[in-house]
Amino acid sequence: MEIFGNFAFFLAFAFGGIWGSFLNVCIYRIPAGQSIVYPPSRCPGCEKSIAWYDNIPILSWLYLKGKCRNCKTSISPQYPIIEALSAIMTLHVVTVFGFSWEALALICLGYSFIVMMVIDLYHYILPDVITLPGIIIGLLLAWLPQVGDPIATFNDSIMGVVVGGGGLWLFAWIFEKVTGKVGMGFGDVKLLAMVGAWLGWQALGFTIFFAALLGSIIGIAWITLLGRDRAKPIPFGPYLVLAAWIYIFIGEQVYDWYLNGIYSGF
C-alpha cells in the first residue's frame, strides 16, 4: 500500500509537470491573442514543431541544456520553472487534501493563478478570458454538494463576488474620479471577484491585507536592492494570487491567532 501511495504521489507530480508545459503555452499565447490549442508547441527561433521527446517537462530542457535541438536557440528557463512550480503545487494540494473533488478544484485554481501571475508580471494585465470564466466556475463549484471546504458555500460565494467585485469596483471607480489616479486596476477587481467566488467573502480581507503587505515588502526591496525605476508600475495581481493561495492553507489559523491576540491583549 505504501508503494502504491508513493507512486500515486509521483503521478500527481508528473501530472502537474505536464500541465505546467501547457501553462507555458497559455502564458505566451494568451496576451498575444493566439490560440492555446493550435499550432502545437514549437521553437521560438526556427518555429519547428517540438517532438514529444523534447517536450518532457523539466527533463527535456535540462537534457538539451536549455537550447533547441534543431537551431540551438536558447529556450528561456521560465519553461522548466513553471513546469516545476506546477508539479510542486499539484503534489502539495494532493498531499493536503488527498485525491478528492476539493483537490481537483484547487489544482485547477492553482493553474489559473500561475498563468495570471506570470502574465501580469510581464504584461501588466489579468486576462478576462481567465477571470470572468473563473468567477462563473467558482459559483458553480460552490453550488455543487460534492465539493466542500475550502471551496465556499454558495451563499458565501455569491457574497464574495458582490464584495470582491462590486464593492471594490465602486471603490476603484470613486478613487480614480476623485484623485485622477488609478488606485487599483479593474483586472485586480475581477481577480478579487474570482477569489470571492471560489473561497467566499471571508477570504477577501486576508487576501487584500496580505497582498498589500507582500507588495510593500517586495516592492521596496525591488527598488532599493535591484534599482527598479520608481515611476514604473508594479503589478498587484501576483501578490493577490499569492495571498489568496496562502489563505487556503493557513488563512483561518491566522484569523484565529489574530482574534485570540486581540482578546488576550497579545
C-alpha atoms as a PDB file:
ATOM      1  CA  MET A   1       0.000   0.000   0.000  1.00  0.00           C
ATOM      2  CA  GLU A   2       2.886   2.355   0.788  1.00  0.00           C
ATOM      3  CA  ILE A   3       4.411   1.667  -2.642  1.00  0.00           C
ATOM      4  CA  PHE A   4       1.068   2.417  -4.294  1.00  0.00           C
ATOM      5  CA  GLY A   5       0.781   5.632  -2.287  1.00  0.00           C
ATOM      6  CA  ASN A   6       4.241   6.801  -3.262  1.00  0.00           C
ATOM      7  CA  PHE A   7       3.530   6.005  -6.908  1.00  0.00           C
ATOM      8  CA  ALA A   8       0.254   7.927  -6.729  1.00  0.00           C
ATOM      9  CA  PHE A   9       2.066  10.989  -5.417  1.00  0.00           C
ATOM     10  CA  PHE A  10       4.668  10.594  -8.158  1.00  0.00           C
ATOM     11  CA  LEU A  11       1.823  10.567 -10.695  1.00  0.00           C
ATOM     12  CA  ALA A  12       0.439  13.755  -9.122  1.00  0.00           C
ATOM     13  CA  PHE A  13       3.844  15.412  -9.520  1.00  0.00           C
ATOM     14  CA  ALA A  14       4.156  14.226 -13.135  1.00  0.00           C
ATOM     15  CA  PHE A  15       0.577  15.312 -13.863  1.00  0.00           C
ATOM     16  CA  GLY A  16       1.390  18.789 -12.592  1.00  0.00           C
ATOM     17  CA  GLY A  17       4.545  18.964 -14.701  1.00  0.00           C
ATOM     18  CA  ILE A  18       2.647  18.020 -17.849  1.00  0.00           C
ATOM     19  CA  TRP A  19       0.070  20.693 -17.203  1.00  0.00           C
ATOM     20  CA  GLY A  20       2.877  23.119 -16.422  1.00  0.00           C
ATOM     21  CA  SER A  21       4.048  22.685 -20.003  1.00  0.00           C
ATOM     22  CA  PHE A  22       0.575  23.716 -21.163  1.00  0.00           C
ATOM     23  CA  LEU A  23       0.571  26.670 -18.761  1.00  0.00           C
ATOM     24  CA  ASN A  24       3.699  27.951 -20.518  1.00  0.00           C
ATOM     25  CA  VAL A  25       1.757  27.904 -23.781  1.00  0.00           C
ATOM     26  CA  CYS A  26      -1.061  29.898 -22.158  1.00  0.00           C
ATOM     27  CA  ILE A  27       1.383  32.424 -20.672  1.00  0.00           C
ATOM     28  CA  TYR A  28       2.961  33.036 -24.072  1.00  0.00           C
ATOM     29  CA  ARG A  29      -0.114  32.970 -26.313  1.00  0.00           C
ATOM     30  CA  ILE A  30      -2.992  34.496 -24.334  1.00  0.00           C
ATOM     31  CA  PRO A  31      -1.518  38.048 -24.217  1.00  0.00           C
ATOM     32  CA  ALA A  32      -0.741  37.742 -27.948  1.00  0.00           C
ATOM     33  CA  GLY A  33      -4.342  36.755 -28.722  1.00  0.00           C
ATOM     34  CA  GLN A  34      -3.238  33.417 -30.171  1.00  0.00           C
ATOM     35  CA  SER A  35      -4.900  30.019 -29.917  1.00  0.00           C
ATOM     36  CA  ILE A  36      -3.690  27.923 -26.999  1.00  0.00           C
ATOM     37  CA  VAL A  37      -4.566  24.725 -28.867  1.00  0.00           C
ATOM     38  CA  TYR A  38      -3.089  25.132 -32.343  1.00  0.00           C
ATOM     39  CA  PRO A  39      -0.396  25.051 -33.609  1.00  0.00           C
ATOM     40  CA  PRO A  40       1.474  22.580 -31.361  1.00  0.00           C
ATOM     41  CA  SER A  41       4.480  23.695 -29.310  1.00  0.00           C
ATOM     42  CA  ARG A  42       7.307  24.988 -31.478  1.00  0.00           C
ATOM     43  CA  CYS A  43      10.717  26.582 -31.144  1.00  0.00           C
ATOM     44  CA  PRO A  44      10.556  30.397 -30.881  1.00  0.00           C
ATOM     45  CA  GLY A  45      13.638  30.596 -33.127  1.00  0.00           C
ATOM     46  CA  CYS A  46      13.241  28.213 -36.076  1.00  0.00           C
ATOM     47  CA  GLU A  47       9.483  27.648 -35.403  1.00  0.00           C
ATOM     48  CA  LYS A  48       9.908  23.918 -35.921  1.00  0.00           C
ATOM     49  CA  SER A  49       7.425  21.760 -34.018  1.00  0.00           C
ATOM     50  CA  ILE A  50       8.927  20.302 -30.867  1.00  0.00           C
ATOM     51  CA  ALA A  51       8.995  16.490 -30.814  1.00  0.00           C
ATOM     52  CA  TRP A  52       7.363  14.748 -27.861  1.00  0.00           C
ATOM     53  CA  TYR A  53      10.720  13.523 -26.546  1.00  0.00           C
ATOM     54  CA  ASP A  54      11.971  17.119 -26.477  1.00  0.00           C
ATOM     55  CA  ASN A  55       8.857  18.255 -24.655  1.00  0.00           C
ATOM     56  CA  ILE A  56       9.091  16.175 -21.482  1.00  0.00           C
ATOM     57  CA  PRO A  57       8.555  18.602 -18.581  1.00  0.00           C
ATOM     58  CA  ILE A  58      11.749  19.784 -16.856  1.00  0.00           C
ATOM     59  CA  LEU A  59      13.861  16.844 -18.084  1.00  0.00           C
ATOM     60  CA  SER A  60      13.980  17.786 -21.780  1.00  0.00           C
ATOM     61  CA  TRP A  61      15.112  21.331 -21.020  1.00  0.00           C
ATOM     62  CA  LEU A  62      17.869  20.015 -18.754  1.00  0.00           C
ATOM     63  CA  TYR A  63      18.970  17.355 -21.263  1.00  0.00           C
ATOM     64  CA  LEU A  64      19.136  19.861 -24.125  1.00  0.00           C
ATOM     65  CA  LYS A  65      20.847  22.421 -21.847  1.00  0.00           C
ATOM     66  CA  GLY A  66      18.137  24.985 -22.491  1.00  0.00           C
ATOM     67  CA  LYS A  67      18.525  25.013 -26.275  1.00  0.00           C
ATOM     68  CA  CYS A  68      16.500  23.942 -29.308  1.00  0.00           C
ATOM     69  CA  ARG A  69      17.747  20.620 -30.713  1.00  0.00           C
ATOM     70  CA  ASN A  70      17.376  21.916 -34.273  1.00  0.00           C
ATOM     71  CA  CYS A  71      18.635  25.534 -34.307  1.00  0.00           C
ATOM     72  CA  LYS A  72      20.312  25.798 -30.884  1.00  0.00           C
ATOM     73  CA  THR A  73      18.235  28.860 -29.965  1.00  0.00           C
ATOM     74  CA  SER A  74      18.221  29.387 -26.203  1.00  0.00           C
ATOM     75  CA  ILE A  75      14.966  28.415 -24.508  1.00  0.00           C
ATOM     76  CA  SER A  76      14.004  30.550 -21.507  1.00  0.00           C
ATOM     77  CA  PRO A  77      14.433  28.923 -18.068  1.00  0.00           C
ATOM     78  CA  GLN A  78      10.892  30.104 -17.431  1.00  0.00           C
ATOM     79  CA  TYR A  79       9.674  26.876 -19.044  1.00  0.00           C
ATOM     80  CA  PRO A  80      11.154  24.368 -16.571  1.00  0.00           C
ATOM     81  CA  ILE A  81      10.496  26.781 -13.670  1.00  0.00           C
ATOM     82  CA  ILE A  82       6.759  26.931 -14.462  1.00  0.00           C
ATOM     83  CA  GLU A  83       6.660  23.155 -15.001  1.00  0.00           C
ATOM     84  CA  ALA A  84       8.365  22.555 -11.654  1.00  0.00           C
ATOM     85  CA  LEU A  85       6.116  25.092  -9.883  1.00  0.00           C
ATOM     86  CA  SER A  86       3.025  23.441 -11.341  1.00  0.00           C
ATOM     87  CA  ALA A  87       4.255  19.975 -10.353  1.00  0.00           C
ATOM     88  CA  ILE A  88       5.099  21.018  -6.782  1.00  0.00           C
ATOM     89  CA  MET A  89       1.796  22.857  -6.381  1.00  0.00           C
ATOM     90  CA  THR A  90      -0.160  19.814  -7.600  1.00  0.00           C
ATOM     91  CA  LEU A  91       1.719  17.485  -5.269  1.00  0.00           C
ATOM     92  CA  HIS A  92       1.213  19.815  -2.310  1.00  0.00           C
ATOM     93  CA  VAL A  93      -2.535  20.050  -2.860  1.00  0.00           C
ATOM     94  CA  VAL A  94      -2.855  16.272  -3.151  1.00  0.00           C
ATOM     95  CA  THR A  95      -0.729  15.792  -0.032  1.00  0.00           C
ATOM     96  CA  VAL A  96      -3.002  18.098   1.983  1.00  0.00           C
ATOM     97  CA  PHE A  97      -6.438  17.259   0.542  1.00  0.00           C
ATOM     98  CA  GLY A  98      -5.879  13.772  -0.859  1.00  0.00           C
ATOM     99  CA  PHE A  99      -7.388  12.586  -4.122  1.00  0.00           C
ATOM    100  CA  SER A 100     -10.672  14.436  -3.758  1.00  0.00           C
ATOM    101  CA  TRP A 101     -13.003  16.779  -5.619  1.00  0.00           C
ATOM    102  CA  GLU A 102     -11.701  19.620  -3.475  1.00  0.00           C
ATOM    103  CA  ALA A 103      -8.128  18.829  -4.502  1.00  0.00           C
ATOM    104  CA  LEU A 104      -9.067  18.744  -8.191  1.00  0.00           C
ATOM    105  CA  ALA A 105     -10.821  22.105  -7.888  1.00  0.00           C
ATOM    106  CA  LEU A 106      -7.874  23.691  -6.074  1.00  0.00           C
ATOM    107  CA  ILE A 107      -5.385  22.312  -8.604  1.00  0.00           C
ATOM    108  CA  CYS A 108      -7.353  23.976 -11.414  1.00  0.00           C
ATOM    109  CA  LEU A 109      -7.461  27.208  -9.399  1.00  0.00           C
ATOM    110  CA  GLY A 110      -3.708  26.963  -8.831  1.00  0.00           C
ATOM    111  CA  TYR A 111      -3.052  26.531 -12.549  1.00  0.00           C
ATOM    112  CA  SER A 112      -5.090  29.643 -13.352  1.00  0.00           C
ATOM    113  CA  PHE A 113      -3.255  31.546 -10.609  1.00  0.00           C
ATOM    114  CA  ILE A 114       0.145  30.629 -12.068  1.00  0.00           C
ATOM    115  CA  VAL A 115      -0.850  31.816 -15.549  1.00  0.00           C
ATOM    116  CA  MET A 116      -2.301  35.107 -14.293  1.00  0.00           C
ATOM    117  CA  MET A 117       0.656  35.785 -12.009  1.00  0.00           C
ATOM    118  CA  VAL A 118       3.245  35.461 -14.783  1.00  0.00           C
ATOM    119  CA  ILE A 119       1.181  37.300 -17.408  1.00  0.00           C
ATOM    120  CA  ASP A 120       0.653  40.200 -15.014  1.00  0.00           C
ATOM    121  CA  LEU A 121       4.384  40.338 -14.253  1.00  0.00           C
ATOM    122  CA  TYR A 122       5.222  40.521 -17.964  1.00  0.00           C
ATOM    123  CA  HIS A 123       2.312  42.484 -19.428  1.00  0.00           C
ATOM    124  CA  TYR A 124       0.509  44.220 -16.510  1.00  0.00           C
ATOM    125  CA  ILE A 125      -2.790  42.556 -17.415  1.00  0.00           C
ATOM    126  CA  LEU A 126      -5.052  39.961 -15.842  1.00  0.00           C
ATOM    127  CA  PRO A 127      -6.848  38.390 -18.823  1.00  0.00           C
ATOM    128  CA  ASP A 128     -10.643  38.431 -18.836  1.00  0.00           C
ATOM    129  CA  VAL A 129     -10.565  35.022 -20.537  1.00  0.00           C
ATOM    130  CA  ILE A 130      -9.405  33.635 -17.194  1.00  0.00           C
ATOM    131  CA  THR A 131     -11.008  35.844 -14.528  1.00  0.00           C
ATOM    132  CA  LEU A 132     -14.552  36.029 -15.940  1.00  0.00           C
ATOM    133  CA  PRO A 133     -14.985  32.277 -16.579  1.00  0.00           C
ATOM    134  CA  GLY A 134     -13.201  31.770 -13.249  1.00  0.00           C
ATOM    135  CA  ILE A 135     -15.967  33.676 -11.450  1.00  0.00           C
ATOM    136  CA  ILE A 136     -18.661  31.512 -13.073  1.00  0.00           C
ATOM    137  CA  ILE A 137     -16.786  28.269 -12.370  1.00  0.00           C
ATOM    138  CA  GLY A 138     -16.303  29.308  -8.742  1.00  0.00           C
ATOM    139  CA  LEU A 139     -20.044  29.894  -8.346  1.00  0.00           C
ATOM    140  CA  LEU A 140     -20.840  26.542  -9.959  1.00  0.00           C
ATOM    141  CA  LEU A 141     -18.408  24.686  -7.699  1.00  0.00           C
ATOM    142  CA  ALA A 142     -19.876  26.402  -4.639  1.00  0.00           C
ATOM    143  CA  TRP A 143     -23.318  25.223  -5.757  1.00  0.00           C
ATOM    144  CA  LEU A 144     -22.263  21.559  -6.146  1.00  0.00           C
ATOM    145  CA  PRO A 145     -22.843  19.488  -2.983  1.00  0.00           C
ATOM    146  CA  GLN A 146     -19.908  17.188  -3.820  1.00  0.00           C
ATOM    147  CA  VAL A 147     -17.368  19.974  -3.288  1.00  0.00           C
ATOM    148  CA  GLY A 148     -16.700  21.158   0.241  1.00  0.00           C
ATOM    149  CA  ASP A 149     -14.260  23.236   2.261  1.00  0.00           C
ATOM    150  CA  PRO A 150     -12.111  25.205   1.395  1.00  0.00           C
ATOM    151  CA  ILE A 151     -14.371  25.917  -1.588  1.00  0.00           C
ATOM    152  CA  ALA A 152     -17.015  28.374  -0.379  1.00  0.00           C
ATOM    153  CA  THR A 153     -20.656  27.625   0.222  1.00  0.00           C
ATOM    154  CA  PHE A 154     -22.977  29.013  -2.429  1.00  0.00           C
ATOM    155  CA  ASN A 155     -24.184  31.933  -0.296  1.00  0.00           C
ATOM    156  CA  ASP A 156     -20.637  32.873   0.719  1.00  0.00           C
ATOM    157  CA  SER A 157     -19.562  32.574  -2.919  1.00  0.00           C
ATOM    158  CA  ILE A 158     -22.236  34.995  -4.105  1.00  0.00           C
ATOM    159  CA  MET A 159     -21.329  37.423  -1.331  1.00  0.00           C
ATOM    160  CA  GLY A 160     -17.674  37.045  -2.281  1.00  0.00           C
ATOM    161  CA  VAL A 161     -18.398  38.066  -5.865  1.00  0.00           C
ATOM    162  CA  VAL A 162     -20.508  41.030  -4.749  1.00  0.00           C
ATOM    163  CA  VAL A 163     -17.952  42.291  -2.218  1.00  0.00           C
ATOM    164  CA  GLY A 164     -14.811  41.374  -4.157  1.00  0.00           C
ATOM    165  CA  GLY A 165     -16.134  42.577  -7.482  1.00  0.00           C
ATOM    166  CA  GLY A 166     -18.881  45.127  -6.982  1.00  0.00           C
ATOM    167  CA  GLY A 167     -17.635  46.759  -3.789  1.00  0.00           C
ATOM    168  CA  LEU A 168     -14.025  47.107  -4.877  1.00  0.00           C
ATOM    169  CA  TRP A 169     -15.042  48.180  -8.378  1.00  0.00           C
ATOM    170  CA  LEU A 170     -17.037  51.026  -6.823  1.00  0.00           C
ATOM    171  CA  PHE A 171     -14.108  51.957  -4.578  1.00  0.00           C
ATOM    172  CA  ALA A 172     -11.656  51.928  -7.508  1.00  0.00           C
ATOM    173  CA  TRP A 173     -14.040  53.987  -9.654  1.00  0.00           C
ATOM    174  CA  ILE A 174     -14.571  56.628  -6.940  1.00  0.00           C
ATOM    175  CA  PHE A 175     -10.836  56.767  -6.163  1.00  0.00           C
ATOM    176  CA  GLU A 176      -9.988  57.346  -9.824  1.00  0.00           C
ATOM    177  CA  LYS A 177     -12.654  60.034 -10.237  1.00  0.00           C
ATOM    178  CA  VAL A 178     -11.601  61.901  -7.087  1.00  0.00           C
ATOM    179  CA  THR A 179      -7.821  61.678  -7.467  1.00  0.00           C
ATOM    180  CA  GLY A 180      -7.425  61.246 -11.208  1.00  0.00           C
ATOM    181  CA  LYS A 181      -5.160  58.274 -10.497  1.00  0.00           C
ATOM    182  CA  VAL A 182      -5.720  54.553 -10.852  1.00  0.00           C
ATOM    183  CA  GLY A 183      -5.504  53.070  -7.366  1.00  0.00           C
ATOM    184  CA  MET A 184      -6.422  49.518  -8.333  1.00  0.00           C
ATOM    185  CA  GLY A 185      -6.717  48.132 -11.845  1.00  0.00           C
ATOM    186  CA  PHE A 186     -10.061  46.670 -12.815  1.00  0.00           C
ATOM    187  CA  GLY A 187      -8.275  43.437 -13.668  1.00  0.00           C
ATOM    188  CA  ASP A 188      -7.404  43.217  -9.974  1.00  0.00           C
ATOM    189  CA  VAL A 189     -11.052  43.777  -9.105  1.00  0.00           C
ATOM    190  CA  LYS A 190     -12.137  40.903 -11.367  1.00  0.00           C
ATOM    191  CA  LEU A 191      -9.450  38.713  -9.825  1.00  0.00           C
ATOM    192  CA  LEU A 192     -10.771  39.513  -6.346  1.00  0.00           C
ATOM    193  CA  ALA A 193     -14.293  38.673  -7.516  1.00  0.00           C
ATOM    194  CA  MET A 194     -12.924  35.331  -8.714  1.00  0.00           C
ATOM    195  CA  VAL A 195     -11.219  34.754  -5.350  1.00  0.00           C
ATOM    196  CA  GLY A 196     -14.505  35.583  -3.623  1.00  0.00           C
ATOM    197  CA  ALA A 197     -16.406  33.164  -5.862  1.00  0.00           C
ATOM    198  CA  TRP A 198     -14.071  30.287  -5.022  1.00  0.00           C
ATOM    199  CA  LEU A 199     -13.171  30.971  -1.397  1.00  0.00           C
ATOM    200  CA  GLY A 200     -16.024  33.154  -0.167  1.00  0.00           C
ATOM    201  CA  TRP A 201     -16.181  36.701   1.146  1.00  0.00           C
ATOM    202  CA  GLN A 202     -14.231  35.631   4.249  1.00  0.00           C
ATOM    203  CA  ALA A 203     -11.058  35.283   2.159  1.00  0.00           C
ATOM    204  CA  LEU A 204     -11.098  38.831   0.825  1.00  0.00           C
ATOM    205  CA  GLY A 205      -9.868  40.714   3.904  1.00  0.00           C
ATOM    206  CA  PHE A 206      -6.891  38.419   4.352  1.00  0.00           C
ATOM    207  CA  THR A 207      -6.132  38.444   0.621  1.00  0.00           C
ATOM    208  CA  ILE A 208      -6.137  42.229   0.283  1.00  0.00           C
ATOM    209  CA  PHE A 209      -4.193  42.896   3.504  1.00  0.00           C
ATOM    210  CA  PHE A 210      -1.581  40.202   2.932  1.00  0.00           C
ATOM    211  CA  ALA A 211      -1.189  41.152  -0.731  1.00  0.00           C
ATOM    212  CA  ALA A 212      -0.564  44.779   0.266  1.00  0.00           C
ATOM    213  CA  LEU A 213       1.980  43.632   2.848  1.00  0.00           C
ATOM    214  CA  LEU A 214       3.783  41.382   0.351  1.00  0.00           C
ATOM    215  CA  GLY A 215       3.651  44.065  -2.317  1.00  0.00           C
ATOM    216  CA  SER A 216       5.139  46.667   0.009  1.00  0.00           C
ATOM    217  CA  ILE A 217       7.999  44.455   1.173  1.00  0.00           C
ATOM    218  CA  ILE A 218       8.895  43.088  -2.257  1.00  0.00           C
ATOM    219  CA  GLY A 219       8.352  46.449  -3.969  1.00  0.00           C
ATOM    220  CA  ILE A 220      10.706  48.255  -1.585  1.00  0.00           C
ATOM    221  CA  ALA A 221      13.318  45.516  -1.989  1.00  0.00           C
ATOM    222  CA  TRP A 222      12.877  45.631  -5.776  1.00  0.00           C
ATOM    223  CA  ILE A 223      13.531  49.367  -5.842  1.00  0.00           C
ATOM    224  CA  THR A 224      16.309  49.623  -3.256  1.00  0.00           C
ATOM    225  CA  LEU A 225      18.258  46.440  -3.997  1.00  0.00           C
ATOM    226  CA  LEU A 226      17.677  45.966  -7.722  1.00  0.00           C
ATOM    227  CA  GLY A 227      17.329  49.618  -8.721  1.00  0.00           C
ATOM    228  CA  ARG A 228      13.889  49.348 -10.280  1.00  0.00           C
ATOM    229  CA  ASP A 229      12.533  52.656 -11.611  1.00  0.00           C
ATOM    230  CA  ARG A 230      10.121  54.113  -9.036  1.00  0.00           C
ATOM    231  CA  ALA A 231       7.941  55.530 -11.807  1.00  0.00           C
ATOM    232  CA  LYS A 232       7.428  52.096 -13.337  1.00  0.00           C
ATOM    233  CA  PRO A 233       4.213  50.437 -12.111  1.00  0.00           C
ATOM    234  CA  ILE A 234       4.414  47.291 -10.025  1.00  0.00           C
ATOM    235  CA  PRO A 235       1.720  44.708 -10.847  1.00  0.00           C
ATOM    236  CA  PHE A 236      -0.524  43.859  -7.901  1.00  0.00           C
ATOM    237  CA  GLY A 237      -2.038  40.672  -9.337  1.00  0.00           C
ATOM    238  CA  PRO A 238       0.841  38.352  -8.345  1.00  0.00           C
ATOM    239  CA  TYR A 239       0.547  39.431  -4.710  1.00  0.00           C
ATOM    240  CA  LEU A 240      -3.226  38.912  -4.719  1.00  0.00           C
ATOM    241  CA  VAL A 241      -2.690  35.436  -6.155  1.00  0.00           C
ATOM    242  CA  LEU A 242      -0.048  34.546  -3.558  1.00  0.00           C
ATOM    243  CA  ALA A 243      -2.140  35.899  -0.695  1.00  0.00           C
ATOM    244  CA  ALA A 244      -5.256  34.016  -1.814  1.00  0.00           C
ATOM    245  CA  TRP A 245      -3.262  30.801  -2.134  1.00  0.00           C
ATOM    246  CA  ILE A 246      -1.759  31.251   1.328  1.00  0.00           C
ATOM    247  CA  TYR A 247      -5.264  31.831   2.723  1.00  0.00           C
ATOM    248  CA  ILE A 248      -6.367  28.405   1.510  1.00  0.00           C
ATOM    249  CA  PHE A 249      -3.833  26.674   3.732  1.00  0.00           C
ATOM    250  CA  ILE A 250      -3.294  28.919   6.762  1.00  0.00           C
ATOM    251  CA  GLY A 251      -5.795  31.772   6.471  1.00  0.00           C
ATOM    252  CA  GLU A 252      -8.155  30.512   9.154  1.00  0.00           C
ATOM    253  CA  GLN A 253      -5.278  29.863  11.552  1.00  0.00           C
ATOM    254  CA  VAL A 254      -4.026  33.415  11.030  1.00  0.00           C
ATOM    255  CA  TYR A 255      -7.516  34.783  11.699  1.00  0.00           C
ATOM    256  CA  ASP A 256      -7.772  32.707  14.889  1.00  0.00           C
ATOM    257  CA  TRP A 257      -4.315  33.827  16.044  1.00  0.00           C
ATOM    258  CA  TYR A 258      -5.198  37.468  15.386  1.00  0.00           C
ATOM    259  CA  LEU A 259      -8.571  37.313  17.152  1.00  0.00           C
ATOM    260  CA  ASN A 260      -7.154  35.409  20.108  1.00  0.00           C
ATOM    261  CA  GLY A 261      -4.370  38.004  20.293  1.00  0.00           C
ATOM    262  CA  ILE A 262      -6.908  40.827  20.415  1.00  0.00           C
ATOM    263  CA  TYR A 263      -8.976  39.218  23.167  1.00  0.00           C
ATOM    264  CA  SER A 264      -5.890  38.305  25.183  1.00  0.00           C
ATOM    265  CA  GLY A 265      -4.218  41.670  24.613  1.00  0.00           C
ATOM    266  CA  PHE A 266      -1.370  39.958  22.722  1.00  0.00           C
END
